[in-house]
Each structure stands twice: as structure tokens, then as C-alpha cells.
Amino acid sequence: HYDFLVSFITYEAFGTDLQSWGSNNYSTYLLLPAGMEIAKIAAQIPDFIARHHPDGEAAVGRTTLNFMNLRDIHLHSQLD
């Protein structure tokens, strides 16, 4: 039962939430190559944030990206 249903085009008119780093309404899924270690990807995240976040280097300490095995998301996710 939904309180309301809105298209993304309509939702976008309400503000910049779709472009905001502070929005945690959506999940992104990655398919990593066989043998790729998540620790190797995670180690690159601070530099990624510094390059792409509007606040640059200042955002590194307050912005987090979390990785979780797809099998664990439904029952074991403690992320907001």
C-alpha cells in the first residue's frame, strides 16, 4: 500500500535529491571480475570521493560508500 506514487521526472522537479551525495534512497550494484578483491576497490574510494564529490577532499571523512555481498543484503544488511 503506497501513500503516493511519483515518476522520476516528477520527483526530480522537487529538488536536487537525485544529484545529491547525501541521498541514500538508491542502491548501486557492481559485478566484479572473478578474483577481484573488494578490499582493493574499497582502498580506492577515498580518492574517488575526493575527485567527484562537490566538496572534494573535505568530503572524504564524512562520506562513506559501503560494500556488501549480494547474498547478504536482504537478511544481514544493517545499512540505512
C-alpha atoms as a PDB file:
ATOM      1  CA  HIS A   1       0.000   0.000   0.000  1.00  0.00           C
ATOM      2  CA  TYR A   2       1.587   3.241  -1.163  1.00  0.00           C
ATOM      3  CA  ASP A   3       0.807   6.682   0.178  1.00  0.00           C
ATOM      4  CA  PHE A   4       1.665   8.080  -3.238  1.00  0.00           C
ATOM      5  CA  LEU A   5       3.489   7.108  -6.424  1.00  0.00           C
ATOM      6  CA  VAL A   6       5.609   9.573  -8.412  1.00  0.00           C
ATOM      7  CA  SER A   7       7.594   9.212 -11.632  1.00  0.00           C
ATOM      8  CA  PHE A   8      11.302  10.090 -11.554  1.00  0.00           C
ATOM      9  CA  ILE A   9      10.640  13.036 -13.862  1.00  0.00           C
ATOM     10  CA  THR A  10       8.100  14.442 -11.402  1.00  0.00           C
ATOM     11  CA  TYR A  11      10.315  13.605  -8.416  1.00  0.00           C
ATOM     12  CA  GLU A  12      13.219  15.476 -10.000  1.00  0.00           C
ATOM     13  CA  ALA A  13      11.119  18.654 -10.054  1.00  0.00           C
ATOM     14  CA  PHE A  14      11.002  18.605  -6.226  1.00  0.00           C
ATOM     15  CA  GLY A  15      14.708  19.372  -5.869  1.00  0.00           C
ATOM     16  CA  THR A  16      18.242  18.112  -6.344  1.00  0.00           C
ATOM     17  CA  ASP A  17      17.936  14.886  -4.352  1.00  0.00           C
ATOM     18  CA  LEU A  18      18.710  12.742  -7.390  1.00  0.00           C
ATOM     19  CA  GLN A  19      22.056  14.515  -7.772  1.00  0.00           C
ATOM     20  CA  SER A  20      22.911  14.719  -4.083  1.00  0.00           C
ATOM     21  CA  TRP A  21      25.664  12.653  -2.482  1.00  0.00           C
ATOM     22  CA  GLY A  22      23.586  12.757   0.703  1.00  0.00           C
ATOM     23  CA  SER A  23      20.732  10.837  -0.872  1.00  0.00           C
ATOM     24  CA  ASN A  24      20.712   7.205   0.205  1.00  0.00           C
ATOM     25  CA  ASN A  25      17.435   6.255  -1.437  1.00  0.00           C
ATOM     26  CA  TYR A  26      19.029   4.085  -4.089  1.00  0.00           C
ATOM     27  CA  SER A  27      21.432   1.187  -4.281  1.00  0.00           C
ATOM     28  CA  THR A  28      24.075   0.549  -6.908  1.00  0.00           C
ATOM     29  CA  TYR A  29      25.158  -2.981  -7.694  1.00  0.00           C
ATOM     30  CA  LEU A  30      28.542  -3.976  -9.087  1.00  0.00           C
ATOM     31  CA  LEU A  31      29.527  -7.210 -10.757  1.00  0.00           C
ATOM     32  CA  LEU A  32      33.219  -7.616 -10.033  1.00  0.00           C
ATOM     33  CA  PRO A  33      35.518  -9.687 -12.228  1.00  0.00           C
ATOM     34  CA  ALA A  34      36.415 -13.128 -10.894  1.00  0.00           C
ATOM     35  CA  GLY A  35      39.247 -12.848  -8.394  1.00  0.00           C
ATOM     36  CA  MET A  36      38.764  -9.112  -7.766  1.00  0.00           C
ATOM     37  CA  GLU A  37      39.077  -8.364  -4.071  1.00  0.00           C
ATOM     38  CA  ILE A  38      36.640  -5.896  -2.553  1.00  0.00           C
ATOM     39  CA  ALA A  39      39.432  -4.536  -0.350  1.00  0.00           C
ATOM     40  CA  LYS A  40      41.250  -3.381  -3.488  1.00  0.00           C
ATOM     41  CA  ILE A  41      38.164  -1.477  -4.647  1.00  0.00           C
ATOM     42  CA  ALA A  42      37.459  -0.078  -1.152  1.00  0.00           C
ATOM     43  CA  ALA A  43      41.008   1.289  -0.924  1.00  0.00           C
ATOM     44  CA  GLN A  44      40.307   3.471  -3.976  1.00  0.00           C
ATOM     45  CA  ILE A  45      37.109   5.009  -2.578  1.00  0.00           C
ATOM     46  CA  PRO A  46      38.660   7.994  -0.732  1.00  0.00           C
ATOM     47  CA  ASP A  47      40.367   9.161  -3.938  1.00  0.00           C
ATOM     48  CA  PHE A  48      37.136   8.614  -5.895  1.00  0.00           C
ATOM     49  CA  ILE A  49      35.198  10.746  -3.388  1.00  0.00           C
ATOM     50  CA  ALA A  50      37.856  13.477  -3.435  1.00  0.00           C
ATOM     51  CA  ARG A  51      37.695  13.661  -7.252  1.00  0.00           C
ATOM     52  CA  HIS A  52      33.921  13.501  -7.733  1.00  0.00           C
ATOM     53  CA  HIS A  53      32.214  14.949  -4.641  1.00  0.00           C
ATOM     54  CA  PRO A  54      31.355  18.670  -4.922  1.00  0.00           C
ATOM     55  CA  ASP A  55      33.250  19.334  -1.664  1.00  0.00           C
ATOM     56  CA  GLY A  56      36.332  17.462  -2.888  1.00  0.00           C
ATOM     57  CA  GLU A  57      38.882  16.467  -0.231  1.00  0.00           C
ATOM     58  CA  ALA A  58      36.696  17.847   2.577  1.00  0.00           C
ATOM     59  CA  ALA A  59      34.067  15.181   1.846  1.00  0.00           C
ATOM     60  CA  VAL A  60      36.409  12.205   2.304  1.00  0.00           C
ATOM     61  CA  GLY A  61      35.996  11.997   6.086  1.00  0.00           C
ATOM     62  CA  ARG A  62      32.227  12.387   6.125  1.00  0.00           C
ATOM     63  CA  THR A  63      31.131  10.426   3.045  1.00  0.00           C
ATOM     64  CA  THR A  64      31.060   6.648   3.096  1.00  0.00           C
ATOM     65  CA  LEU A  65      30.346   4.043   0.477  1.00  0.00           C
ATOM     66  CA  ASN A  66      29.608   0.539   1.739  1.00  0.00           C
ATOM     67  CA  PHE A  67      30.095  -2.776   0.017  1.00  0.00           C
ATOM     68  CA  MET A  68      28.154  -5.928   0.766  1.00  0.00           C
ATOM     69  CA  ASN A  69      27.929  -9.304  -0.881  1.00  0.00           C
ATOM     70  CA  LEU A  70      24.638  -9.561  -2.750  1.00  0.00           C
ATOM     71  CA  ARG A  71      23.742 -12.744  -0.854  1.00  0.00           C
ATOM     72  CA  ASP A  72      23.898 -10.825   2.446  1.00  0.00           C
ATOM     73  CA  ILE A  73      21.846  -7.753   1.557  1.00  0.00           C
ATOM     74  CA  HIS A  74      18.331  -8.987   2.322  1.00  0.00           C
ATOM     75  CA  LEU A  75      18.797 -10.658   5.692  1.00  0.00           C
ATOM     76  CA  HIS A  76      22.037  -9.224   7.021  1.00  0.00           C
ATOM     77  CA  SER A  77      22.129  -5.591   5.904  1.00  0.00           C
ATOM     78  CA  GLN A  78      22.439  -3.061   8.713  1.00  0.00           C
ATOM     79  CA  LEU A  79      22.786  -0.129   6.334  1.00  0.00           C
ATOM     80  CA  ASP A  80      20.280   2.700   6.174  1.00  0.00           C
END
